C-alpha atoms as a PDB file:
ATOM      1  CA  MET A   1      -8.024 -44.195   6.726  1.00  0.00           C
ATOM      2  CA  SER A   2      -7.826 -42.408   3.345  1.00  0.00           C
ATOM      3  CA  ALA A   3     -10.507 -40.654   2.070  1.00  0.00           C
ATOM      4  CA  THR A   4     -11.608 -43.095  -0.392  1.00  0.00           C
ATOM      5  CA  SER A   5     -11.652 -46.106   1.965  1.00  0.00           C
ATOM      6  CA  SER A   6     -13.535 -43.389   4.676  1.00  0.00           C
ATOM      7  CA  GLY A   7     -15.960 -43.055   1.819  1.00  0.00           C
ATOM      8  CA  THR A   8     -16.384 -46.619   1.261  1.00  0.00           C
ATOM      9  CA  SER A   9     -17.141 -47.279   5.025  1.00  0.00           C
ATOM     10  CA  TRP A  10     -19.954 -44.706   4.498  1.00  0.00           C
ATOM     11  CA  TRP A  11     -21.382 -46.472   1.572  1.00  0.00           C
ATOM     12  CA  ARG A  12     -20.968 -49.873   2.933  1.00  0.00           C
ATOM     13  CA  ALA A  13     -22.253 -49.072   6.643  1.00  0.00           C
ATOM     14  CA  LEU A  14     -25.611 -46.971   5.050  1.00  0.00           C
ATOM     15  CA  PHE A  15     -26.527 -49.642   2.763  1.00  0.00           C
ATOM     16  CA  GLY A  16     -24.631 -52.630   2.381  1.00  0.00           C
ATOM     17  CA  GLY A  17     -26.814 -54.524   5.213  1.00  0.00           C
ATOM     18  CA  ALA A  18     -30.233 -54.825   5.389  1.00  0.00           C
ATOM     19  CA  GLU A  19     -30.374 -56.228   9.200  1.00  0.00           C
ATOM     20  CA  SER A  20     -28.557 -52.887   9.739  1.00  0.00           C
ATOM     21  CA  SER A  21     -30.814 -50.001  10.789  1.00  0.00           C
ATOM     22  CA  LEU A  22     -29.761 -46.765   9.602  1.00  0.00           C
ATOM     23  CA  ARG A  23     -29.554 -45.289  13.409  1.00  0.00           C
ATOM     24  CA  GLU A  24     -27.477 -48.638  13.851  1.00  0.00           C
ATOM     25  CA  SER A  25     -25.444 -47.741  10.726  1.00  0.00           C
ATOM     26  CA  ILE A  26     -24.703 -43.970  11.759  1.00  0.00           C
ATOM     27  CA  GLU A  27     -23.660 -45.269  15.051  1.00  0.00           C
ATOM     28  CA  ASP A  28     -21.027 -47.625  13.758  1.00  0.00           C
ATOM     29  CA  VAL A  29     -20.252 -44.793  11.274  1.00  0.00           C
ATOM     30  CA  LEU A  30     -18.872 -42.524  13.896  1.00  0.00           C
ATOM     31  CA  ASP A  31     -17.298 -45.276  15.937  1.00  0.00           C
ATOM     32  CA  GLU A  32     -15.005 -46.388  12.521  1.00  0.00           C
ATOM     33  CA  THR A  33     -13.986 -42.617  12.244  1.00  0.00           C
ATOM     34  CA  GLN A  34     -13.097 -41.928  15.637  1.00  0.00           C
ATOM     35  CA  GLY A  35      -9.717 -39.639  15.480  1.00  0.00           C
ATOM     36  CA  GLU A  36     -10.467 -38.826  11.735  1.00  0.00           C
ATOM     37  CA  THR A  37     -10.666 -34.878  11.406  1.00  0.00           C
ATOM     38  CA  ALA A  38     -11.966 -35.315   7.165  1.00  0.00           C
ATOM     39  CA  ASP A  39     -15.319 -36.438   8.710  1.00  0.00           C
ATOM     40  CA  PHE A  40     -16.368 -34.853  11.652  1.00  0.00           C
ATOM     41  CA  SER A  41     -14.749 -33.041  15.018  1.00  0.00           C
ATOM     42  CA  ASP A  42     -14.916 -34.757  18.379  1.00  0.00           C
ATOM     43  CA  GLU A  43     -17.744 -31.587  19.106  1.00  0.00           C
ATOM     44  CA  GLU A  44     -20.016 -33.377  15.861  1.00  0.00           C
ATOM     45  CA  ARG A  45     -19.384 -36.704  16.604  1.00  0.00           C
ATOM     46  CA  HIS A  46     -20.356 -36.356  20.461  1.00  0.00           C
ATOM     47  CA  MET A  47     -23.270 -34.134  19.428  1.00  0.00           C
ATOM     48  CA  LEU A  48     -24.159 -36.446  16.929  1.00  0.00           C
ATOM     49  CA  LYS A  49     -24.270 -39.438  19.553  1.00  0.00           C
ATOM     50  CA  ASN A  50     -25.831 -37.339  21.798  1.00  0.00           C
ATOM     51  CA  LEU A  51     -28.367 -36.508  19.513  1.00  0.00           C
ATOM     52  CA  LEU A  52     -28.854 -40.654  18.518  1.00  0.00           C
ATOM     53  CA  GLY A  53     -29.126 -41.260  22.238  1.00  0.00           C
ATOM     54  CA  PHE A  54     -31.522 -38.331  23.167  1.00  0.00           C
ATOM     55  CA  ARG A  55     -34.881 -41.113  22.115  1.00  0.00           C
ATOM     56  CA  ASP A  56     -33.876 -43.283  25.605  1.00  0.00           C
ATOM     57  CA  VAL A  57     -33.568 -40.051  27.622  1.00  0.00           C
ATOM     58  CA  ARG A  58     -36.462 -39.527  30.155  1.00  0.00           C
ATOM     59  CA  LEU A  59     -37.586 -36.866  31.773  1.00  0.00           C
ATOM     60  CA  ASP A  60     -36.262 -38.121  35.111  1.00  0.00           C
ATOM     61  CA  ASP A  61     -33.032 -38.189  33.531  1.00  0.00           C
ATOM     62  CA  VAL A  62     -33.051 -34.481  32.741  1.00  0.00           C
ATOM     63  CA  MET A  63     -35.118 -32.826  35.456  1.00  0.00           C
ATOM     64  CA  VAL A  64     -34.412 -30.169  38.404  1.00  0.00           C
ATOM     65  CA  PRO A  65     -35.352 -31.679  41.429  1.00  0.00           C
ATOM     66  CA  ARG A  66     -37.742 -31.205  43.734  1.00  0.00           C
ATOM     67  CA  ALA A  67     -35.544 -29.400  46.143  1.00  0.00           C
ATOM     68  CA  ASP A  68     -33.799 -27.424  43.602  1.00  0.00           C
ATOM     69  CA  ILE A  69     -36.581 -25.885  42.322  1.00  0.00           C
ATOM     70  CA  ASP A  70     -37.437 -22.040  42.777  1.00  0.00           C
ATOM     71  CA  ALA A  71     -41.378 -21.093  43.093  1.00  0.00           C
ATOM     72  CA  VAL A  72     -43.059 -18.660  44.341  1.00  0.00           C
ATOM     73  CA  GLU A  73     -46.608 -18.973  46.553  1.00  0.00           C
ATOM     74  CA  ALA A  74     -49.289 -17.341  44.907  1.00  0.00           C
ATOM     75  CA  ASP A  75     -50.204 -14.745  47.649  1.00  0.00           C
ATOM     76  CA  ILE A  76     -46.412 -13.562  47.219  1.00  0.00           C
ATOM     77  CA  GLY A  77     -46.062  -9.493  47.587  1.00  0.00           C
ATOM     78  CA  LEU A  78     -44.809  -7.521  44.488  1.00  0.00           C
ATOM     79  CA  ARG A  79     -41.316  -6.686  45.988  1.00  0.00           C
ATOM     80  CA  ASP A  80     -40.828 -10.021  47.236  1.00  0.00           C
ATOM     81  CA  LEU A  81     -41.240 -11.299  43.991  1.00  0.00           C
ATOM     82  CA  LEU A  82     -39.178  -9.270  41.863  1.00  0.00           C
ATOM     83  CA  ALA A  83     -36.233  -9.482  44.766  1.00  0.00           C
ATOM     84  CA  LEU A  84     -36.837 -13.220  44.111  1.00  0.00           C
ATOM     85  CA  PHE A  85     -36.467 -13.160  40.684  1.00  0.00           C
ATOM     86  CA  SER A  86     -33.300 -10.799  40.768  1.00  0.00           C
ATOM     87  CA  GLU A  87     -31.855 -13.312  43.386  1.00  0.00           C
ATOM     88  CA  CYS A  88     -32.263 -16.603  41.266  1.00  0.00           C
ATOM     89  CA  GLY A  89     -31.666 -15.143  37.820  1.00  0.00           C
ATOM     90  CA  HIS A  90     -34.754 -16.835  36.279  1.00  0.00           C
ATOM     91  CA  SER A  91     -37.065 -15.457  33.883  1.00  0.00           C
ATOM     92  CA  ARG A  92     -39.952 -17.878  34.521  1.00  0.00           C
ATOM     93  CA  MET A  93     -40.657 -19.529  37.774  1.00  0.00           C
ATOM     94  CA  PRO A  94     -43.468 -22.099  38.918  1.00  0.00           C
ATOM     95  CA  VAL A  95     -46.620 -20.539  41.129  1.00  0.00           C
ATOM     96  CA  PHE A  96     -48.234 -22.776  44.120  1.00  0.00           C
ATOM     97  CA  ARG A  97     -50.551 -22.622  47.008  1.00  0.00           C
ATOM     98  CA  GLU A  98     -49.338 -23.962  50.538  1.00  0.00           C
ATOM     99  CA  THR A  99     -47.108 -25.945  48.851  1.00  0.00           C
ATOM    100  CA  LEU A 100     -45.295 -27.514  45.964  1.00  0.00           C
ATOM    101  CA  ASP A 101     -47.519 -30.192  45.522  1.00  0.00           C
ATOM    102  CA  GLN A 102     -50.215 -27.372  44.540  1.00  0.00           C
ATOM    103  CA  PRO A 103     -48.503 -25.760  41.174  1.00  0.00           C
ATOM    104  CA  ILE A 104     -51.365 -23.379  39.407  1.00  0.00           C
ATOM    105  CA  GLY A 105     -49.018 -22.540  36.608  1.00  0.00           C
ATOM    106  CA  MET A 106     -46.156 -20.253  36.478  1.00  0.00           C
ATOM    107  CA  VAL A 107     -45.166 -16.671  36.456  1.00  0.00           C
ATOM    108  CA  HIS A 108     -42.828 -14.797  33.689  1.00  0.00           C
ATOM    109  CA  VAL A 109     -40.763 -11.851  34.906  1.00  0.00           C
ATOM    110  CA  LYS A 110     -41.993  -9.832  31.650  1.00  0.00           C
ATOM    111  CA  ASP A 111     -45.417 -10.208  32.986  1.00  0.00           C
ATOM    112  CA  VAL A 112     -44.491  -8.907  36.105  1.00  0.00           C
ATOM    113  CA  LEU A 113     -42.241  -6.050  34.972  1.00  0.00           C
ATOM    114  CA  SER A 114     -45.608  -4.876  32.337  1.00  0.00           C
ATOM    115  CA  ALA A 115     -47.799  -4.857  34.770  1.00  0.00           C
ATOM    116  CA  VAL A 116     -45.281  -2.609  37.019  1.00  0.00           C
ATOM    117  CA  GLN A 117     -45.103  -0.336  34.073  1.00  0.00           C
ATOM    118  CA  SER A 118     -49.016  -0.049  33.662  1.00  0.00           C
ATOM    119  CA  SER A 119     -49.270   0.885  37.536  1.00  0.00           C
ATOM    120  CA  LEU A 120     -46.356   3.520  37.111  1.00  0.00           C
ATOM    121  CA  ASP A 121     -48.554   4.874  34.482  1.00  0.00           C
ATOM    122  CA  GLN A 122     -51.319   5.384  36.586  1.00  0.00           C
ATOM    123  CA  ALA A 123     -51.215   8.570  38.832  1.00  0.00           C
ATOM    124  CA  GLY A 124     -51.153   7.532  42.679  1.00  0.00           C
ATOM    125  CA  ALA A 125     -51.464   3.962  41.911  1.00  0.00           C
ATOM    126  CA  ASN A 126     -49.934   1.377  44.261  1.00  0.00           C
ATOM    127  CA  MET A 127     -47.675  -0.934  42.886  1.00  0.00           C
ATOM    128  CA  GLU A 128     -48.467  -3.369  45.840  1.00  0.00           C
ATOM    129  CA  ALA A 129     -51.888  -3.700  44.989  1.00  0.00           C
ATOM    130  CA  ILE A 130     -50.707  -5.820  41.802  1.00  0.00           C
ATOM    131  CA  ASP A 131     -52.074  -9.315  41.615  1.00  0.00           C
ATOM    132  CA  LEU A 132     -50.416 -11.887  40.824  1.00  0.00           C
ATOM    133  CA  ALA A 133     -53.087 -14.239  39.468  1.00  0.00           C
ATOM    134  CA  PRO A 134     -54.021 -12.336  36.516  1.00  0.00           C
ATOM    135  CA  LEU A 135     -50.261 -13.029  35.575  1.00  0.00           C
ATOM    136  CA  VAL A 136     -50.196 -16.590  36.075  1.00  0.00           C
ATOM    137  CA  ARG A 137     -49.895 -18.326  32.942  1.00  0.00           C
ATOM    138  CA  PRO A 138     -50.464 -22.159  32.145  1.00  0.00           C
ATOM    139  CA  VAL A 139     -47.594 -24.590  32.949  1.00  0.00           C
ATOM    140  CA  LEU A 140     -46.998 -28.302  31.515  1.00  0.00           C
ATOM    141  CA  PHE A 141     -47.774 -31.137  34.101  1.00  0.00           C
ATOM    142  CA  VAL A 142     -45.848 -34.507  32.868  1.00  0.00           C
ATOM    143  CA  PRO A 143     -44.893 -37.791  34.340  1.00  0.00           C
ATOM    144  CA  PRO A 144     -40.798 -38.677  35.084  1.00  0.00           C
ATOM    145  CA  SER A 145     -40.930 -41.769  32.702  1.00  0.00           C
ATOM    146  CA  MET A 146     -42.307 -39.509  29.839  1.00  0.00           C
ATOM    147  CA  PRO A 147     -39.424 -39.483  26.825  1.00  0.00           C
ATOM    148  CA  ALA A 148     -37.827 -36.445  26.571  1.00  0.00           C
ATOM    149  CA  MET A 149     -37.886 -36.190  23.046  1.00  0.00           C
ATOM    150  CA  GLU A 150     -42.111 -36.401  23.243  1.00  0.00           C
ATOM    151  CA  LEU A 151     -41.582 -32.864  25.892  1.00  0.00           C
ATOM    152  CA  LEU A 152     -39.520 -31.380  23.412  1.00  0.00           C
ATOM    153  CA  VAL A 153     -41.967 -31.797  20.567  1.00  0.00           C
ATOM    154  CA  LYS A 154     -45.066 -31.009  22.697  1.00  0.00           C
ATOM    155  CA  MET A 155     -43.313 -27.774  23.916  1.00  0.00           C
ATOM    156  CA  GLN A 156     -42.275 -26.697  20.319  1.00  0.00           C
ATOM    157  CA  ALA A 157     -46.357 -27.661  19.692  1.00  0.00           C
ATOM    158  CA  THR A 158     -47.849 -25.670  22.606  1.00  0.00           C
ATOM    159  CA  ARG A 159     -45.079 -22.742  22.633  1.00  0.00           C
ATOM    160  CA  GLY A 160     -44.262 -23.707  26.273  1.00  0.00           C
ATOM    161  CA  HIS A 161     -40.884 -23.583  27.722  1.00  0.00           C
ATOM    162  CA  MET A 162     -41.320 -24.981  31.601  1.00  0.00           C
ATOM    163  CA  ALA A 163     -43.000 -28.285  32.702  1.00  0.00           C
ATOM    164  CA  LEU A 164     -43.416 -29.821  35.972  1.00  0.00           C
ATOM    165  CA  VAL A 165     -43.143 -33.228  36.586  1.00  0.00           C
ATOM    166  CA  ILE A 166     -45.743 -34.848  38.847  1.00  0.00           C
ATOM    167  CA  ASP A 167     -45.290 -38.237  40.190  1.00  0.00           C
ATOM    168  CA  GLU A 168     -47.809 -41.057  40.585  1.00  0.00           C
ATOM    169  CA  TYR A 169     -49.411 -40.041  43.949  1.00  0.00           C
ATOM    170  CA  GLY A 170     -49.723 -36.218  42.215  1.00  0.00           C
ATOM    171  CA  GLY A 171     -46.891 -34.509  44.127  1.00  0.00           C
ATOM    172  CA  THR A 172     -44.438 -32.467  42.493  1.00  0.00           C
ATOM    173  CA  ASP A 173     -40.823 -34.549  41.390  1.00  0.00           C
ATOM    174  CA  GLY A 174     -39.543 -32.000  39.552  1.00  0.00           C
ATOM    175  CA  LEU A 175     -39.099 -29.526  36.718  1.00  0.00           C
ATOM    176  CA  VAL A 176     -37.634 -29.602  33.418  1.00  0.00           C
ATOM    177  CA  THR A 177     -37.639 -26.272  30.770  1.00  0.00           C
ATOM    178  CA  ILE A 178     -36.627 -26.481  26.887  1.00  0.00           C
ATOM    179  CA  GLU A 179     -33.273 -25.221  27.680  1.00  0.00           C
ATOM    180  CA  ASP A 180     -32.883 -28.401  30.022  1.00  0.00           C
ATOM    181  CA  LEU A 181     -33.539 -30.740  26.921  1.00  0.00           C
ATOM    182  CA  ILE A 182     -31.524 -29.023  24.582  1.00  0.00           C
ATOM    183  CA  GLU A 183     -28.392 -28.912  26.244  1.00  0.00           C
ATOM    184  CA  GLU A 184     -28.761 -32.859  26.270  1.00  0.00           C
ATOM    185  CA  ILE A 185     -28.071 -32.347  22.935  1.00  0.00           C
ATOM    186  CA  VAL A 186     -25.361 -29.320  22.167  1.00  0.00           C
ATOM    187  CA  GLY A 187     -24.223 -29.553  26.117  1.00  0.00           C
ATOM    188  CA  GLU A 188     -24.858 -26.851  28.713  1.00  0.00           C
ATOM    189  CA  ILE A 189     -25.824 -23.592  27.822  1.00  0.00           C
ATOM    190  CA  GLU A 190     -24.958 -20.619  29.987  1.00  0.00           C
ATOM    191  CA  ASP A 191     -26.178 -16.878  29.950  1.00  0.00           C
ATOM    192  CA  GLU A 192     -25.794 -13.701  31.532  1.00  0.00           C
ATOM    193  CA  HIS A 193     -26.952 -14.252  34.349  1.00  0.00           C
ATOM    194  CA  ASP A 194     -25.416 -18.081  35.259  1.00  0.00           C
ATOM    195  CA  GLU A 195     -22.705 -17.757  38.075  1.00  0.00           C
ATOM    196  CA  GLU A 196     -19.224 -17.920  36.833  1.00  0.00           C
ATOM    197  CA  GLU A 197     -18.094 -21.381  37.439  1.00  0.00           C
ATOM    198  CA  GLU A 198     -14.181 -21.592  38.312  1.00  0.00           C
ATOM    199  CA  LEU A 199     -13.471 -24.245  35.375  1.00  0.00           C
ATOM    200  CA  LEU A 200      -9.903 -25.154  37.250  1.00  0.00           C
ATOM    201  CA  ARG A 201      -8.734 -25.199  40.940  1.00  0.00           C
ATOM    202  CA  PRO A 202      -6.326 -26.910  42.520  1.00  0.00           C
ATOM    203  CA  LEU A 203      -7.226 -29.233  45.229  1.00  0.00           C
ATOM    204  CA  ASN A 204      -3.799 -29.438  46.838  1.00  0.00           C
ATOM    205  CA  GLU A 205       0.046 -28.636  46.143  1.00  0.00           C
ATOM    206  CA  ASP A 206       0.448 -32.337  44.859  1.00  0.00           C
ATOM    207  CA  GLY A 207      -0.214 -31.222  41.358  1.00  0.00           C
ATOM    208  CA  HIS A 208      -3.916 -32.337  41.964  1.00  0.00           C
ATOM    209  CA  TRP A 209      -6.704 -29.936  40.151  1.00  0.00           C
ATOM    210  CA  ARG A 210     -10.282 -30.146  39.598  1.00  0.00           C
ATOM    211  CA  ALA A 211     -11.030 -29.071  36.522  1.00  0.00           C
ATOM    212  CA  HIS A 212     -14.577 -28.504  34.196  1.00  0.00           C
ATOM    213  CA  ALA A 213     -14.794 -30.401  30.885  1.00  0.00           C
ATOM    214  CA  ARG A 214     -15.177 -26.856  29.600  1.00  0.00           C
ATOM    215  CA  LEU A 215     -12.069 -25.567  30.566  1.00  0.00           C
ATOM    216  CA  PRO A 216      -9.691 -24.440  27.401  1.00  0.00           C
ATOM    217  CA  LEU A 217      -6.448 -26.860  27.019  1.00  0.00           C
ATOM    218  CA  SER A 218      -4.332 -23.788  26.278  1.00  0.00           C
ATOM    219  CA  ASP A 219      -5.737 -22.451  29.860  1.00  0.00           C
ATOM    220  CA  MET A 220      -5.002 -26.281  31.586  1.00  0.00           C
ATOM    221  CA  GLU A 221      -1.735 -25.821  29.860  1.00  0.00           C
ATOM    222  CA  GLU A 222      -0.479 -22.737  31.217  1.00  0.00           C
ATOM    223  CA  ALA A 223      -1.807 -23.830  34.874  1.00  0.00           C
ATOM    224  CA  LEU A 224       0.088 -26.844  34.613  1.00  0.00           C
ATOM    225  CA  SER A 225       2.849 -25.722  32.519  1.00  0.00           C
ATOM    226  CA  VAL A 226       2.540 -28.908  30.027  1.00  0.00           C
ATOM    227  CA  ASN A 227       2.101 -28.723  26.328  1.00  0.00           C
ATOM    228  CA  LEU A 228      -0.417 -30.653  24.428  1.00  0.00           C
ATOM    229  CA  ALA A 229       0.818 -29.686  20.871  1.00  0.00           C
ATOM    230  CA  SER A 230       2.574 -33.454  20.611  1.00  0.00           C
ATOM    231  CA  VAL A 231      -0.977 -35.084  21.081  1.00  0.00           C
ATOM    232  CA  GLU A 232      -1.250 -36.164  17.799  1.00  0.00           C
ATOM    233  CA  GLY A 233      -4.901 -35.923  15.920  1.00  0.00           C
ATOM    234  CA  TYR A 234      -6.214 -33.504  18.304  1.00  0.00           C
ATOM    235  CA  ASP A 235      -5.733 -30.411  16.229  1.00  0.00           C
ATOM    236  CA  ASP A 236      -9.141 -29.627  16.318  1.00  0.00           C
ATOM    237  CA  ILE A 237     -10.009 -29.845  19.658  1.00  0.00           C
ATOM    238  CA  ASP A 238     -10.186 -27.108  22.457  1.00  0.00           C
ATOM    239  CA  THR A 239     -11.663 -28.173  25.918  1.00  0.00           C
ATOM    240  CA  LEU A 240     -10.255 -31.047  28.230  1.00  0.00           C
ATOM    241  CA  GLY A 241     -13.500 -32.734  28.065  1.00  0.00           C
ATOM    242  CA  GLY A 242     -13.112 -32.898  24.256  1.00  0.00           C
ATOM    243  CA  LEU A 243      -9.462 -34.542  24.725  1.00  0.00           C
ATOM    244  CA  VAL A 244     -10.573 -37.106  27.413  1.00  0.00           C
ATOM    245  CA  PHE A 245     -13.337 -37.995  25.084  1.00  0.00           C
ATOM    246  CA  ALA A 246     -11.312 -38.141  22.037  1.00  0.00           C
ATOM    247  CA  LYS A 247      -8.502 -40.260  24.087  1.00  0.00           C
ATOM    248  CA  ALA A 248     -10.875 -42.618  25.448  1.00  0.00           C
ATOM    249  CA  GLY A 249     -13.161 -42.899  22.162  1.00  0.00           C
ATOM    250  CA  ARG A 250     -16.455 -42.856  24.360  1.00  0.00           C
ATOM    251  CA  VAL A 251     -17.932 -41.152  26.955  1.00  0.00           C
ATOM    252  CA  PRO A 252     -15.769 -42.245  30.181  1.00  0.00           C
ATOM    253  CA  GLU A 253     -17.460 -43.818  32.984  1.00  0.00           C
ATOM    254  CA  ARG A 254     -17.686 -41.934  36.766  1.00  0.00           C
ATOM    255  CA  GLY A 255     -14.213 -42.948  38.370  1.00  0.00           C
ATOM    256  CA  GLU A 256     -12.693 -44.125  35.535  1.00  0.00           C
ATOM    257  CA  MET A 257      -8.957 -42.682  34.623  1.00  0.00           C
ATOM    258  CA  ILE A 258      -7.244 -41.777  31.478  1.00  0.00           C
ATOM    259  CA  ALA A 259      -4.219 -41.699  31.334  1.00  0.00           C
ATOM    260  CA  HIS A 260      -2.021 -39.125  28.347  1.00  0.00           C
ATOM    261  CA  ASP A 261       2.216 -39.993  28.824  1.00  0.00           C
ATOM    262  CA  MET A 262       3.261 -36.632  28.487  1.00  0.00           C
ATOM    263  CA  GLY A 263       7.374 -38.542  27.788  1.00  0.00           C
ATOM    264  CA  GLU A 264      10.152 -37.241  29.738  1.00  0.00           C
ATOM    265  CA  GLY A 265       8.760 -39.372  33.062  1.00  0.00           C
ATOM    266  CA  ARG A 266       5.832 -37.245  33.305  1.00  0.00           C
ATOM    267  CA  ALA A 267       2.075 -38.271  32.798  1.00  0.00           C
ATOM    268  CA  LEU A 268      -1.207 -36.416  33.059  1.00  0.00           C
ATOM    269  CA  GLU A 269      -3.911 -38.834  34.427  1.00  0.00           C
ATOM    270  CA  PHE A 270      -7.916 -37.822  34.214  1.00  0.00           C
ATOM    271  CA  ILE A 271     -10.324 -39.133  36.319  1.00  0.00           C
ATOM    272  CA  ILE A 272     -13.808 -38.409  35.737  1.00  0.00           C
ATOM    273  CA  HIS A 273     -15.366 -36.830  38.904  1.00  0.00           C
ATOM    274  CA  ASP A 274     -18.833 -36.158  37.812  1.00  0.00           C
ATOM    275  CA  GLY A 275     -20.722 -36.708  34.287  1.00  0.00           C
ATOM    276  CA  ASP A 276     -23.180 -39.420  32.746  1.00  0.00           C
ATOM    277  CA  ALA A 277     -24.025 -41.459  29.969  1.00  0.00           C
ATOM    278  CA  ARG A 278     -24.161 -38.710  27.364  1.00  0.00           C
ATOM    279  CA  ARG A 279     -21.270 -36.528  28.650  1.00  0.00           C
ATOM    280  CA  ILE A 280     -18.251 -35.331  30.909  1.00  0.00           C
ATOM    281  CA  LYS A 281     -19.083 -32.678  33.469  1.00  0.00           C
ATOM    282  CA  GLN A 282     -15.922 -32.583  36.022  1.00  0.00           C
ATOM    283  CA  LEU A 283     -12.729 -34.194  35.818  1.00  0.00           C
ATOM    284  CA  ASP A 284      -9.540 -34.727  38.502  1.00  0.00           C
ATOM    285  CA  VAL A 285      -6.430 -33.812  36.731  1.00  0.00           C
ATOM    286  CA  ARG A 286      -3.161 -34.871  37.956  1.00  0.00           C
ATOM    287  CA  LEU A 287       0.482 -34.447  37.202  1.00  0.00           C
ATOM    288  CA  VAL A 288       2.439 -37.475  37.968  1.00  0.00           C
ATOM    289  CA  SER A 289       6.093 -38.766  37.700  1.00  0.00           C
ATOM    290  CA  ARG A 290       6.241 -41.523  36.237  1.00  0.00           C
ATOM    291  CA  GLY A 291      10.299 -43.104  36.848  1.00  0.00           C
ATOM    292  CA  PRO A 292      11.985 -45.912  35.013  1.00  0.00           C
ATOM    293  CA  LYS A 293      10.895 -49.696  36.182  1.00  0.00           C
ATOM    294  CA  PRO A 294      13.423 -51.219  38.401  1.00  0.00           C
ATOM    295  CA  SER A 295      15.288 -53.797  36.695  1.00  0.00           C
ATOM    296  CA  ARG A 296      14.955 -57.294  37.715  1.00  0.00           C
ATOM    297  CA  LYS A 297      18.719 -58.675  38.644  1.00  0.00           C
ATOM    298  CA  GLY A 298      19.306 -62.165  39.103  1.00  0.00           C
ATOM    299  CA  LYS A 299      21.090 -63.806  41.982  1.00  0.00           C
ATOM    300  CA  ALA A 300      24.395 -64.557  42.031  1.00  0.00           C
ATOM    301  CA  GLY A 301      25.397 -67.893  41.232  1.00  0.00           C
END
């Protein structure tokens, strides 16, 4: 599509039909310009689609489940608290009494370190005597059906970074941080304390690999001894997830297979191992041989 026709599509989509909402018009334009480098890169297109779909995301779609929550009891000792912060790598953790169904707030590692510093400044102070209660900050309590957008706005207004998801019976169902919400739009965010994940590992000796969507294409090319330079229209794609998203023209479903013919009787097969409606997370990659189709010979008369 030329620049002129592309501009015409933008104008027609945005202003041509009174029956179409602006949201639908933008979605149509993103679909129409799929594969064109002049308008949006695939990463930009993916992010815009995530943003448009963000209003339909609920907290039970993004929350950390109860079983995976790192939390501390209100009567925990200082040494154990510091050890837990060091082990889990979080800067904030919920505080509870007896069980996680009785949360009282959250504690921030900066407040703990400030209390330790104050204690060290006092001659003969005993750090074990530091009381956790004054360090507990309020935490938001929200229902699992709450729209993610609503919580994000609330967090901005209250300067809160953590919310506990409470079910209809008053029990703790999960946890949501502001980072979880932002990741729904921009993709996964990692910091220095996140464990480095192996982005590509062989599953067997038959050319079958497990790969993360963030895997750089150059690393996959080197590991599998393939060349993707011939993939037309994908010059601005850097990751495996971006390549598969571009080839499919949408976010493929879990278990779906997207194939790419490498020529010379070889093909790459990408099978979605893990993902959701907004992004690809992990894929199985197979380099397979595709021999010539057998010819059909008629019977001799």
